[in-house]
mmCIF file of all heavy atoms, coordinates in Angstrom:
data_MODEL
# 
_entry.id   MODEL 
# 
loop_
_atom_site.group_PDB 
_atom_site.id 
_atom_site.type_symbol 
_atom_site.label_atom_id 
_atom_site.label_alt_id 
_atom_site.label_comp_id 
_atom_site.label_asym_id 
_atom_site.label_entity_id 
_atom_site.label_seq_id 
_atom_site.pdbx_PDB_ins_code 
_atom_site.Cartn_x 
_atom_site.Cartn_y 
_atom_site.Cartn_z 
_atom_site.occupancy 
_atom_site.B_iso_or_equiv 
_atom_site.pdbx_formal_charge 
_atom_site.auth_seq_id 
_atom_site.auth_comp_id 
_atom_site.auth_asym_id 
_atom_site.auth_atom_id 
_atom_site.pdbx_PDB_model_num 
ATOM 1   N N   . ARG A 1 1  ? 0.836  -1.196  0.000  1.00 0.00 ? 1  ARG A N   1 
ATOM 2   C CA  . ARG A 1 1  ? 0.000  0.000   0.000  1.00 0.00 ? 1  ARG A CA  1 
ATOM 3   C C   . ARG A 1 1  ? 0.866  1.239   0.000  1.00 0.00 ? 1  ARG A C   1 
ATOM 4   O O   . ARG A 1 1  ? 2.021  1.222   0.456  1.00 0.00 ? 1  ARG A O   1 
ATOM 5   C CB  . ARG A 1 1  ? -0.954 0.018   1.204  1.00 0.00 ? 1  ARG A CB  1 
ATOM 6   C CG  . ARG A 1 1  ? -0.271 0.171   2.565  1.00 0.00 ? 1  ARG A CG  1 
ATOM 7   C CD  . ARG A 1 1  ? -1.303 0.056   3.673  1.00 0.00 ? 1  ARG A CD  1 
ATOM 8   N NE  . ARG A 1 1  ? -0.692 0.214   4.998  1.00 0.00 ? 1  ARG A NE  1 
ATOM 9   C CZ  . ARG A 1 1  ? -1.348 0.066   6.141  1.00 0.00 ? 1  ARG A CZ  1 
ATOM 10  N NH1 . ARG A 1 1  ? -2.653 -0.262  6.145  1.00 0.00 ? 1  ARG A NH1 1 
ATOM 11  N NH2 . ARG A 1 1  ? -0.722 0.224   7.297  1.00 0.00 ? 1  ARG A NH2 1 
ATOM 12  N N   . GLN A 1 2  ? 0.286  2.317   -0.517 1.00 0.00 ? 2  GLN A N   1 
ATOM 13  C CA  . GLN A 1 2  ? 0.995  3.596   -0.542 1.00 0.00 ? 2  GLN A CA  1 
ATOM 14  C C   . GLN A 1 2  ? 0.025  4.704   -0.192 1.00 0.00 ? 2  GLN A C   1 
ATOM 15  O O   . GLN A 1 2  ? -0.970 4.936   -0.900 1.00 0.00 ? 2  GLN A O   1 
ATOM 16  C CB  . GLN A 1 2  ? 1.610  3.845   -1.923 1.00 0.00 ? 2  GLN A CB  1 
ATOM 17  C CG  . GLN A 1 2  ? 2.498  5.067   -1.976 1.00 0.00 ? 2  GLN A CG  1 
ATOM 18  C CD  . GLN A 1 2  ? 3.355  5.095   -3.231 1.00 0.00 ? 2  GLN A CD  1 
ATOM 19  O OE1 . GLN A 1 2  ? 3.089  4.414   -4.208 1.00 0.00 ? 2  GLN A OE1 1 
ATOM 20  N NE2 . GLN A 1 2  ? 4.415  5.894   -3.192 1.00 0.00 ? 2  GLN A NE2 1 
ATOM 21  N N   . ALA A 1 3  ? 0.322  5.369   0.901  1.00 0.00 ? 3  ALA A N   1 
ATOM 22  C CA  . ALA A 1 3  ? -0.466 6.513   1.331  1.00 0.00 ? 3  ALA A CA  1 
ATOM 23  C C   . ALA A 1 3  ? 0.121  7.782   0.720  1.00 0.00 ? 3  ALA A C   1 
ATOM 24  O O   . ALA A 1 3  ? 1.297  7.807   0.363  1.00 0.00 ? 3  ALA A O   1 
ATOM 25  C CB  . ALA A 1 3  ? -0.463 6.604   2.851  1.00 0.00 ? 3  ALA A CB  1 
ATOM 26  N N   . PRO A 1 4  ? -0.671 8.833   0.603  1.00 0.00 ? 4  PRO A N   1 
ATOM 27  C CA  . PRO A 1 4  ? -0.163 10.092  0.012  1.00 0.00 ? 4  PRO A CA  1 
ATOM 28  C C   . PRO A 1 4  ? 1.073  10.590  0.745  1.00 0.00 ? 4  PRO A C   1 
ATOM 29  O O   . PRO A 1 4  ? 1.088  10.670  1.980  1.00 0.00 ? 4  PRO A O   1 
ATOM 30  C CB  . PRO A 1 4  ? -1.344 11.052  0.192  1.00 0.00 ? 4  PRO A CB  1 
ATOM 31  C CG  . PRO A 1 4  ? -2.541 10.176  0.231  1.00 0.00 ? 4  PRO A CG  1 
ATOM 32  C CD  . PRO A 1 4  ? -2.109 8.926   0.929  1.00 0.00 ? 4  PRO A CD  1 
ATOM 33  N N   . GLY A 1 5  ? 2.092  10.882  -0.020 1.00 0.00 ? 5  GLY A N   1 
ATOM 34  C CA  . GLY A 1 5  ? 3.311  11.424  0.556  1.00 0.00 ? 5  GLY A CA  1 
ATOM 35  C C   . GLY A 1 5  ? 4.198  10.415  1.243  1.00 0.00 ? 5  GLY A C   1 
ATOM 36  O O   . GLY A 1 5  ? 5.210  10.790  1.855  1.00 0.00 ? 5  GLY A O   1 
ATOM 37  N N   . LYS A 1 6  ? 3.833  9.147   1.160  1.00 0.00 ? 6  LYS A N   1 
ATOM 38  C CA  . LYS A 1 6  ? 4.627  8.106   1.824  1.00 0.00 ? 6  LYS A CA  1 
ATOM 39  C C   . LYS A 1 6  ? 5.113  7.076   0.818  1.00 0.00 ? 6  LYS A C   1 
ATOM 40  O O   . LYS A 1 6  ? 4.606  6.972   -0.289 1.00 0.00 ? 6  LYS A O   1 
ATOM 41  C CB  . LYS A 1 6  ? 3.800  7.424   2.910  1.00 0.00 ? 6  LYS A CB  1 
ATOM 42  C CG  . LYS A 1 6  ? 3.419  8.339   4.063  1.00 0.00 ? 6  LYS A CG  1 
ATOM 43  C CD  . LYS A 1 6  ? 2.772  7.551   5.191  1.00 0.00 ? 6  LYS A CD  1 
ATOM 44  C CE  . LYS A 1 6  ? 2.449  8.439   6.379  1.00 0.00 ? 6  LYS A CE  1 
ATOM 45  N NZ  . LYS A 1 6  ? 1.846  7.676   7.502  1.00 0.00 ? 6  LYS A NZ  1 
ATOM 46  N N   . GLN A 1 7  ? 6.106  6.317   1.246  1.00 0.00 ? 7  GLN A N   1 
ATOM 47  C CA  . GLN A 1 7  ? 6.624  5.259   0.386  1.00 0.00 ? 7  GLN A CA  1 
ATOM 48  C C   . GLN A 1 7  ? 5.690  4.057   0.384  1.00 0.00 ? 7  GLN A C   1 
ATOM 49  O O   . GLN A 1 7  ? 4.944  3.843   1.344  1.00 0.00 ? 7  GLN A O   1 
ATOM 50  C CB  . GLN A 1 7  ? 8.014  4.842   0.876  1.00 0.00 ? 7  GLN A CB  1 
ATOM 51  C CG  . GLN A 1 7  ? 9.102  5.873   0.625  1.00 0.00 ? 7  GLN A CG  1 
ATOM 52  C CD  . GLN A 1 7  ? 10.488 5.326   0.940  1.00 0.00 ? 7  GLN A CD  1 
ATOM 53  O OE1 . GLN A 1 7  ? 10.647 4.458   1.788  1.00 0.00 ? 7  GLN A OE1 1 
ATOM 54  N NE2 . GLN A 1 7  ? 11.494 5.842   0.258  1.00 0.00 ? 7  GLN A NE2 1 
ATOM 55  N N   . ARG A 1 8  ? 5.774  3.298   -0.677 1.00 0.00 ? 8  ARG A N   1 
ATOM 56  C CA  . ARG A 1 8  ? 5.004  2.060   -0.753 1.00 0.00 ? 8  ARG A CA  1 
ATOM 57  C C   . ARG A 1 8  ? 5.540  1.087   0.287  1.00 0.00 ? 8  ARG A C   1 
ATOM 58  O O   . ARG A 1 8  ? 6.752  0.937   0.447  1.00 0.00 ? 8  ARG A O   1 
ATOM 59  C CB  . ARG A 1 8  ? 5.097  1.457   -2.157 1.00 0.00 ? 8  ARG A CB  1 
ATOM 60  C CG  . ARG A 1 8  ? 4.121  0.338   -2.429 1.00 0.00 ? 8  ARG A CG  1 
ATOM 61  C CD  . ARG A 1 8  ? 4.124  -0.031  -3.900 1.00 0.00 ? 8  ARG A CD  1 
ATOM 62  N NE  . ARG A 1 8  ? 3.667  1.069   -4.745 1.00 0.00 ? 8  ARG A NE  1 
ATOM 63  C CZ  . ARG A 1 8  ? 3.414  0.932   -6.044 1.00 0.00 ? 8  ARG A CZ  1 
ATOM 64  N NH1 . ARG A 1 8  ? 3.563  -0.256  -6.638 1.00 0.00 ? 8  ARG A NH1 1 
ATOM 65  N NH2 . ARG A 1 8  ? 3.018  1.972   -6.757 1.00 0.00 ? 8  ARG A NH2 1 
ATOM 66  N N   . GLU A 1 9  ? 4.632  0.449   0.999  1.00 0.00 ? 9  GLU A N   1 
ATOM 67  C CA  . GLU A 1 9  ? 5.047  -0.466  2.053  1.00 0.00 ? 9  GLU A CA  1 
ATOM 68  C C   . GLU A 1 9  ? 4.353  -1.810  1.915  1.00 0.00 ? 9  GLU A C   1 
ATOM 69  O O   . GLU A 1 9  ? 3.228  -1.908  1.411  1.00 0.00 ? 9  GLU A O   1 
ATOM 70  C CB  . GLU A 1 9  ? 4.740  0.125   3.436  1.00 0.00 ? 9  GLU A CB  1 
ATOM 71  C CG  . GLU A 1 9  ? 3.271  0.349   3.718  1.00 0.00 ? 9  GLU A CG  1 
ATOM 72  C CD  . GLU A 1 9  ? 3.012  0.831   5.131  1.00 0.00 ? 9  GLU A CD  1 
ATOM 73  O OE1 . GLU A 1 9  ? 3.962  1.020   5.902  1.00 0.00 ? 9  GLU A OE1 1 
ATOM 74  O OE2 . GLU A 1 9  ? 1.813  1.019   5.466  1.00 0.00 ? 9  GLU A OE2 1 
ATOM 75  N N   . LEU A 1 10 ? 5.041  -2.835  2.398  1.00 0.00 ? 10 LEU A N   1 
ATOM 76  C CA  . LEU A 1 10 ? 4.479  -4.174  2.376  1.00 0.00 ? 10 LEU A CA  1 
ATOM 77  C C   . LEU A 1 10 ? 3.370  -4.297  3.407  1.00 0.00 ? 10 LEU A C   1 
ATOM 78  O O   . LEU A 1 10 ? 3.514  -3.855  4.552  1.00 0.00 ? 10 LEU A O   1 
ATOM 79  C CB  . LEU A 1 10 ? 5.574  -5.197  2.677  1.00 0.00 ? 10 LEU A CB  1 
ATOM 80  C CG  . LEU A 1 10 ? 5.119  -6.651  2.780  1.00 0.00 ? 10 LEU A CG  1 
ATOM 81  C CD1 . LEU A 1 10 ? 4.671  -7.175  1.427  1.00 0.00 ? 10 LEU A CD1 1 
ATOM 82  C CD2 . LEU A 1 10 ? 6.231  -7.521  3.361  1.00 0.00 ? 10 LEU A CD2 1 
ATOM 83  N N   . VAL A 1 11 ? 2.265  -4.922  2.990  1.00 0.00 ? 11 VAL A N   1 
ATOM 84  C CA  . VAL A 1 11 ? 1.166  -5.205  3.906  1.00 0.00 ? 11 VAL A CA  1 
ATOM 85  C C   . VAL A 1 11 ? 1.182  -6.679  4.293  1.00 0.00 ? 11 VAL A C   1 
ATOM 86  O O   . VAL A 1 11 ? 1.154  -7.035  5.468  1.00 0.00 ? 11 VAL A O   1 
ATOM 87  C CB  . VAL A 1 11 ? -0.190 -4.848  3.278  1.00 0.00 ? 11 VAL A CB  1 
ATOM 88  C CG1 . VAL A 1 11 ? -1.335 -5.247  4.202  1.00 0.00 ? 11 VAL A CG1 1 
ATOM 89  C CG2 . VAL A 1 11 ? -0.258 -3.360  2.957  1.00 0.00 ? 11 VAL A CG2 1 
ATOM 90  N N   . ALA A 1 12 ? 1.227  -7.544  3.293  1.00 0.00 ? 12 ALA A N   1 
ATOM 91  C CA  . ALA A 1 12 ? 1.229  -8.981  3.548  1.00 0.00 ? 12 ALA A CA  1 
ATOM 92  C C   . ALA A 1 12 ? 1.800  -9.693  2.337  1.00 0.00 ? 12 ALA A C   1 
ATOM 93  O O   . ALA A 1 12 ? 1.649  -9.211  1.205  1.00 0.00 ? 12 ALA A O   1 
ATOM 94  C CB  . ALA A 1 12 ? -0.180 -9.491  3.840  1.00 0.00 ? 12 ALA A CB  1 
ATOM 95  N N   . VAL A 1 13 ? 2.448  -10.825 2.583  1.00 0.00 ? 13 VAL A N   1 
ATOM 96  C CA  . VAL A 1 13 ? 3.051  -11.583 1.492  1.00 0.00 ? 13 VAL A CA  1 
ATOM 97  C C   . VAL A 1 13 ? 2.941  -13.068 1.790  1.00 0.00 ? 13 VAL A C   1 
ATOM 98  O O   . VAL A 1 13 ? 2.984  -13.481 2.950  1.00 0.00 ? 13 VAL A O   1 
ATOM 99  C CB  . VAL A 1 13 ? 4.520  -11.171 1.280  1.00 0.00 ? 13 VAL A CB  1 
ATOM 100 C CG1 . VAL A 1 13 ? 5.368  -11.504 2.497  1.00 0.00 ? 13 VAL A CG1 1 
ATOM 101 C CG2 . VAL A 1 13 ? 5.094  -11.822 0.018  1.00 0.00 ? 13 VAL A CG2 1 
ATOM 102 N N   . ILE A 1 14 ? 2.790  -13.853 0.717  1.00 0.00 ? 14 ILE A N   1 
ATOM 103 C CA  . ILE A 1 14 ? 2.831  -15.301 0.838  1.00 0.00 ? 14 ILE A CA  1 
ATOM 104 C C   . ILE A 1 14 ? 3.813  -15.826 -0.202 1.00 0.00 ? 14 ILE A C   1 
ATOM 105 O O   . ILE A 1 14 ? 3.799  -15.395 -1.358 1.00 0.00 ? 14 ILE A O   1 
ATOM 106 C CB  . ILE A 1 14 ? 1.440  -15.947 0.651  1.00 0.00 ? 14 ILE A CB  1 
ATOM 107 C CG1 . ILE A 1 14 ? 1.527  -17.462 0.798  1.00 0.00 ? 14 ILE A CG1 1 
ATOM 108 C CG2 . ILE A 1 14 ? 0.810  -15.549 -0.679 1.00 0.00 ? 14 ILE A CG2 1 
ATOM 109 C CD1 . ILE A 1 14 ? 0.175  -18.145 0.925  1.00 0.00 ? 14 ILE A CD1 1 
ATOM 110 N N   . THR A 1 15 ? 4.684  -16.735 0.227  1.00 0.00 ? 15 THR A N   1 
ATOM 111 C CA  . THR A 1 15 ? 5.660  -17.301 -0.693 1.00 0.00 ? 15 THR A CA  1 
ATOM 112 C C   . THR A 1 15 ? 5.116  -18.594 -1.310 1.00 0.00 ? 15 THR A C   1 
ATOM 113 O O   . THR A 1 15 ? 4.096  -19.133 -0.865 1.00 0.00 ? 15 THR A O   1 
ATOM 114 C CB  . THR A 1 15 ? 6.971  -17.620 0.023  1.00 0.00 ? 15 THR A CB  1 
ATOM 115 O OG1 . THR A 1 15 ? 6.735  -18.706 0.937  1.00 0.00 ? 15 THR A OG1 1 
ATOM 116 C CG2 . THR A 1 15 ? 7.481  -16.404 0.786  1.00 0.00 ? 15 THR A CG2 1 
ATOM 117 N N   . ASN A 1 16 ? 5.830  -19.117 -2.292 1.00 0.00 ? 16 ASN A N   1 
ATOM 118 C CA  . ASN A 1 16 ? 5.369  -20.344 -2.939 1.00 0.00 ? 16 ASN A CA  1 
ATOM 119 C C   . ASN A 1 16 ? 5.512  -21.556 -2.022 1.00 0.00 ? 16 ASN A C   1 
ATOM 120 O O   . ASN A 1 16 ? 4.993  -22.633 -2.335 1.00 0.00 ? 16 ASN A O   1 
ATOM 121 C CB  . ASN A 1 16 ? 6.094  -20.567 -4.264 1.00 0.00 ? 16 ASN A CB  1 
ATOM 122 C CG  . ASN A 1 16 ? 7.597  -20.626 -4.100 1.00 0.00 ? 16 ASN A CG  1 
ATOM 123 O OD1 . ASN A 1 16 ? 8.105  -20.636 -2.979 1.00 0.00 ? 16 ASN A OD1 1 
ATOM 124 N ND2 . ASN A 1 16 ? 8.308  -20.639 -5.206 1.00 0.00 ? 16 ASN A ND2 1 
ATOM 125 N N   . SER A 1 17 ? 6.178  -21.396 -0.896 1.00 0.00 ? 17 SER A N   1 
ATOM 126 C CA  . SER A 1 17 ? 6.258  -22.486 0.083  1.00 0.00 ? 17 SER A CA  1 
ATOM 127 C C   . SER A 1 17 ? 5.166  -22.376 1.133  1.00 0.00 ? 17 SER A C   1 
ATOM 128 O O   . SER A 1 17 ? 5.078  -23.199 2.049  1.00 0.00 ? 17 SER A O   1 
ATOM 129 C CB  . SER A 1 17 ? 7.625  -22.481 0.768  1.00 0.00 ? 17 SER A CB  1 
ATOM 130 O OG  . SER A 1 17 ? 7.805  -21.289 1.490  1.00 0.00 ? 17 SER A OG  1 
ATOM 131 N N   . GLY A 1 18 ? 4.343  -21.325 1.021  1.00 0.00 ? 18 GLY A N   1 
ATOM 132 C CA  . GLY A 1 18 ? 3.229  -21.151 1.939  1.00 0.00 ? 18 GLY A CA  1 
ATOM 133 C C   . GLY A 1 18 ? 3.503  -20.263 3.130  1.00 0.00 ? 18 GLY A C   1 
ATOM 134 O O   . GLY A 1 18 ? 2.632  -20.050 3.969  1.00 0.00 ? 18 GLY A O   1 
ATOM 135 N N   . THR A 1 19 ? 4.701  -19.742 3.224  1.00 0.00 ? 19 THR A N   1 
ATOM 136 C CA  . THR A 1 19 ? 5.031  -18.843 4.333  1.00 0.00 ? 19 THR A CA  1 
ATOM 137 C C   . THR A 1 19 ? 4.352  -17.499 4.139  1.00 0.00 ? 19 THR A C   1 
ATOM 138 O O   . THR A 1 19 ? 4.407  -16.927 3.053  1.00 0.00 ? 19 THR A O   1 
ATOM 139 C CB  . THR A 1 19 ? 6.540  -18.641 4.417  1.00 0.00 ? 19 THR A CB  1 
ATOM 140 O OG1 . THR A 1 19 ? 7.179  -19.907 4.592  1.00 0.00 ? 19 THR A OG1 1 
ATOM 141 C CG2 . THR A 1 19 ? 6.897  -17.726 5.573  1.00 0.00 ? 19 THR A CG2 1 
ATOM 142 N N   . THR A 1 20 ? 3.712  -17.022 5.199  1.00 0.00 ? 20 THR A N   1 
ATOM 143 C CA  . THR A 1 20 ? 3.056  -15.718 5.124  1.00 0.00 ? 20 THR A CA  1 
ATOM 144 C C   . THR A 1 20 ? 3.658  -14.767 6.141  1.00 0.00 ? 20 THR A C   1 
ATOM 145 O O   . THR A 1 20 ? 4.104  -15.176 7.214  1.00 0.00 ? 20 THR A O   1 
ATOM 146 C CB  . THR A 1 20 ? 1.542  -15.832 5.372  1.00 0.00 ? 20 THR A CB  1 
ATOM 147 O OG1 . THR A 1 20 ? 1.334  -16.404 6.681  1.00 0.00 ? 20 THR A OG1 1 
ATOM 148 C CG2 . THR A 1 20 ? 0.882  -16.699 4.337  1.00 0.00 ? 20 THR A CG2 1 
ATOM 149 N N   . ASN A 1 21 ? 3.656  -13.504 5.799  1.00 0.00 ? 21 ASN A N   1 
ATOM 150 C CA  . ASN A 1 21 ? 4.124  -12.469 6.700  1.00 0.00 ? 21 ASN A CA  1 
ATOM 151 C C   . ASN A 1 21 ? 3.231  -11.251 6.567  1.00 0.00 ? 21 ASN A C   1 
ATOM 152 O O   . ASN A 1 21 ? 2.774  -10.922 5.479  1.00 0.00 ? 21 ASN A O   1 
ATOM 153 C CB  . ASN A 1 21 ? 5.571  -12.077 6.378  1.00 0.00 ? 21 ASN A CB  1 
ATOM 154 C CG  . ASN A 1 21 ? 6.565  -13.063 6.944  1.00 0.00 ? 21 ASN A CG  1 
ATOM 155 O OD1 . ASN A 1 21 ? 6.681  -13.205 8.164  1.00 0.00 ? 21 ASN A OD1 1 
ATOM 156 N ND2 . ASN A 1 21 ? 7.273  -13.748 6.082  1.00 0.00 ? 21 ASN A ND2 1 
ATOM 157 N N   . TYR A 1 22 ? 3.001  -10.613 7.697  1.00 0.00 ? 22 TYR A N   1 
ATOM 158 C CA  . TYR A 1 22 ? 2.192  -9.401  7.737  1.00 0.00 ? 22 TYR A CA  1 
ATOM 159 C C   . TYR A 1 22 ? 2.997  -8.263  8.342  1.00 0.00 ? 22 TYR A C   1 
ATOM 160 O O   . TYR A 1 22 ? 3.823  -8.482  9.229  1.00 0.00 ? 22 TYR A O   1 
ATOM 161 C CB  . TYR A 1 22 ? 0.937  -9.607  8.588  1.00 0.00 ? 22 TYR A CB  1 
ATOM 162 C CG  . TYR A 1 22 ? -0.063 -10.594 8.032  1.00 0.00 ? 22 TYR A CG  1 
ATOM 163 C CD1 . TYR A 1 22 ? 0.049  -11.949 8.312  1.00 0.00 ? 22 TYR A CD1 1 
ATOM 164 C CD2 . TYR A 1 22 ? -1.128 -10.158 7.249  1.00 0.00 ? 22 TYR A CD2 1 
ATOM 165 C CE1 . TYR A 1 22 ? -0.881 -12.853 7.813  1.00 0.00 ? 22 TYR A CE1 1 
ATOM 166 C CE2 . TYR A 1 22 ? -2.064 -11.054 6.758  1.00 0.00 ? 22 TYR A CE2 1 
ATOM 167 C CZ  . TYR A 1 22 ? -1.931 -12.402 7.041  1.00 0.00 ? 22 TYR A CZ  1 
ATOM 168 O OH  . TYR A 1 22 ? -2.846 -13.287 6.547  1.00 0.00 ? 22 TYR A OH  1 
ATOM 169 N N   . ALA A 1 23 ? 2.700  -7.067  7.901  1.00 0.00 ? 23 ALA A N   1 
ATOM 170 C CA  . ALA A 1 23 ? 3.271  -5.896  8.562  1.00 0.00 ? 23 ALA A CA  1 
ATOM 171 C C   . ALA A 1 23 ? 2.722  -5.828  9.986  1.00 0.00 ? 23 ALA A C   1 
ATOM 172 O O   . ALA A 1 23 ? 1.557  -6.171  10.225 1.00 0.00 ? 23 ALA A O   1 
ATOM 173 C CB  . ALA A 1 23 ? 2.902  -4.632  7.798  1.00 0.00 ? 23 ALA A CB  1 
ATOM 174 N N   . ASP A 1 24 ? 3.541  -5.365  10.903 1.00 0.00 ? 24 ASP A N   1 
ATOM 175 C CA  . ASP A 1 24 ? 3.103  -5.286  12.298 1.00 0.00 ? 24 ASP A CA  1 
ATOM 176 C C   . ASP A 1 24 ? 1.847  -4.430  12.451 1.00 0.00 ? 24 ASP A C   1 
ATOM 177 O O   . ASP A 1 24 ? 1.002  -4.704  13.296 1.00 0.00 ? 24 ASP A O   1 
ATOM 178 C CB  . ASP A 1 24 ? 4.227  -4.705  13.161 1.00 0.00 ? 24 ASP A CB  1 
ATOM 179 C CG  . ASP A 1 24 ? 5.375  -5.681  13.354 1.00 0.00 ? 24 ASP A CG  1 
ATOM 180 O OD1 . ASP A 1 24 ? 5.183  -6.884  13.122 1.00 0.00 ? 24 ASP A OD1 1 
ATOM 181 O OD2 . ASP A 1 24 ? 6.473  -5.225  13.735 1.00 0.00 ? 24 ASP A OD2 1 
ATOM 182 N N   . SER A 1 25 ? 1.730  -3.415  11.618 1.00 0.00 ? 25 SER A N   1 
ATOM 183 C CA  . SER A 1 25 ? 0.614  -2.474  11.744 1.00 0.00 ? 25 SER A CA  1 
ATOM 184 C C   . SER A 1 25 ? -0.737 -3.098  11.383 1.00 0.00 ? 25 SER A C   1 
ATOM 185 O O   . SER A 1 25 ? -1.779 -2.524  11.718 1.00 0.00 ? 25 SER A O   1 
ATOM 186 C CB  . SER A 1 25 ? 0.860  -1.251  10.866 1.00 0.00 ? 25 SER A CB  1 
ATOM 187 O OG  . SER A 1 25 ? 1.013  -1.641  9.512  1.00 0.00 ? 25 SER A OG  1 
ATOM 188 N N   . VAL A 1 26 ? -0.727 -4.254  10.717 1.00 0.00 ? 26 VAL A N   1 
ATOM 189 C CA  . VAL A 1 26 ? -1.995 -4.858  10.292 1.00 0.00 ? 26 VAL A CA  1 
ATOM 190 C C   . VAL A 1 26 ? -2.231 -6.231  10.923 1.00 0.00 ? 26 VAL A C   1 
ATOM 191 O O   . VAL A 1 26 ? -3.303 -6.809  10.733 1.00 0.00 ? 26 VAL A O   1 
ATOM 192 C CB  . VAL A 1 26 ? -2.081 -4.977  8.755  1.00 0.00 ? 26 VAL A CB  1 
ATOM 193 C CG1 . VAL A 1 26 ? -1.811 -3.634  8.104  1.00 0.00 ? 26 VAL A CG1 1 
ATOM 194 C CG2 . VAL A 1 26 ? -1.133 -6.041  8.220  1.00 0.00 ? 26 VAL A CG2 1 
ATOM 195 N N   . LYS A 1 27 ? -1.259 -6.735  11.653 1.00 0.00 ? 27 LYS A N   1 
ATOM 196 C CA  . LYS A 1 27 ? -1.416 -8.053  12.273 1.00 0.00 ? 27 LYS A CA  1 
ATOM 197 C C   . LYS A 1 27 ? -2.639 -8.074  13.180 1.00 0.00 ? 27 LYS A C   1 
ATOM 198 O O   . LYS A 1 27 ? -2.858 -7.156  13.964 1.00 0.00 ? 27 LYS A O   1 
ATOM 199 C CB  . LYS A 1 27 ? -0.163 -8.416  13.074 1.00 0.00 ? 27 LYS A CB  1 
ATOM 200 C CG  . LYS A 1 27 ? 1.002  -8.883  12.233 1.00 0.00 ? 27 LYS A CG  1 
ATOM 201 C CD  . LYS A 1 27 ? 2.202  -9.245  13.095 1.00 0.00 ? 27 LYS A CD  1 
ATOM 202 C CE  . LYS A 1 27 ? 3.375  -9.679  12.244 1.00 0.00 ? 27 LYS A CE  1 
ATOM 203 N NZ  . LYS A 1 27 ? 4.583  -9.941  13.053 1.00 0.00 ? 27 LYS A NZ  1 
ATOM 204 N N   . GLY A 1 28 ? -3.425 -9.127  13.046 1.00 0.00 ? 28 GLY A N   1 
ATOM 205 C CA  . GLY A 1 28 ? -4.628 -9.266  13.857 1.00 0.00 ? 28 GLY A CA  1 
ATOM 206 C C   . GLY A 1 28 ? -5.847 -8.572  13.267 1.00 0.00 ? 28 GLY A C   1 
ATOM 207 O O   . GLY A 1 28 ? -6.960 -8.778  13.732 1.00 0.00 ? 28 GLY A O   1 
# 
């Protein structure tokens, strides 16, 4: 995601091995 005036940041990702990661700001 990218908010106005800010850099694009990762929100969530899943790899082809099934590993997922979330940004701390959106966890839960």
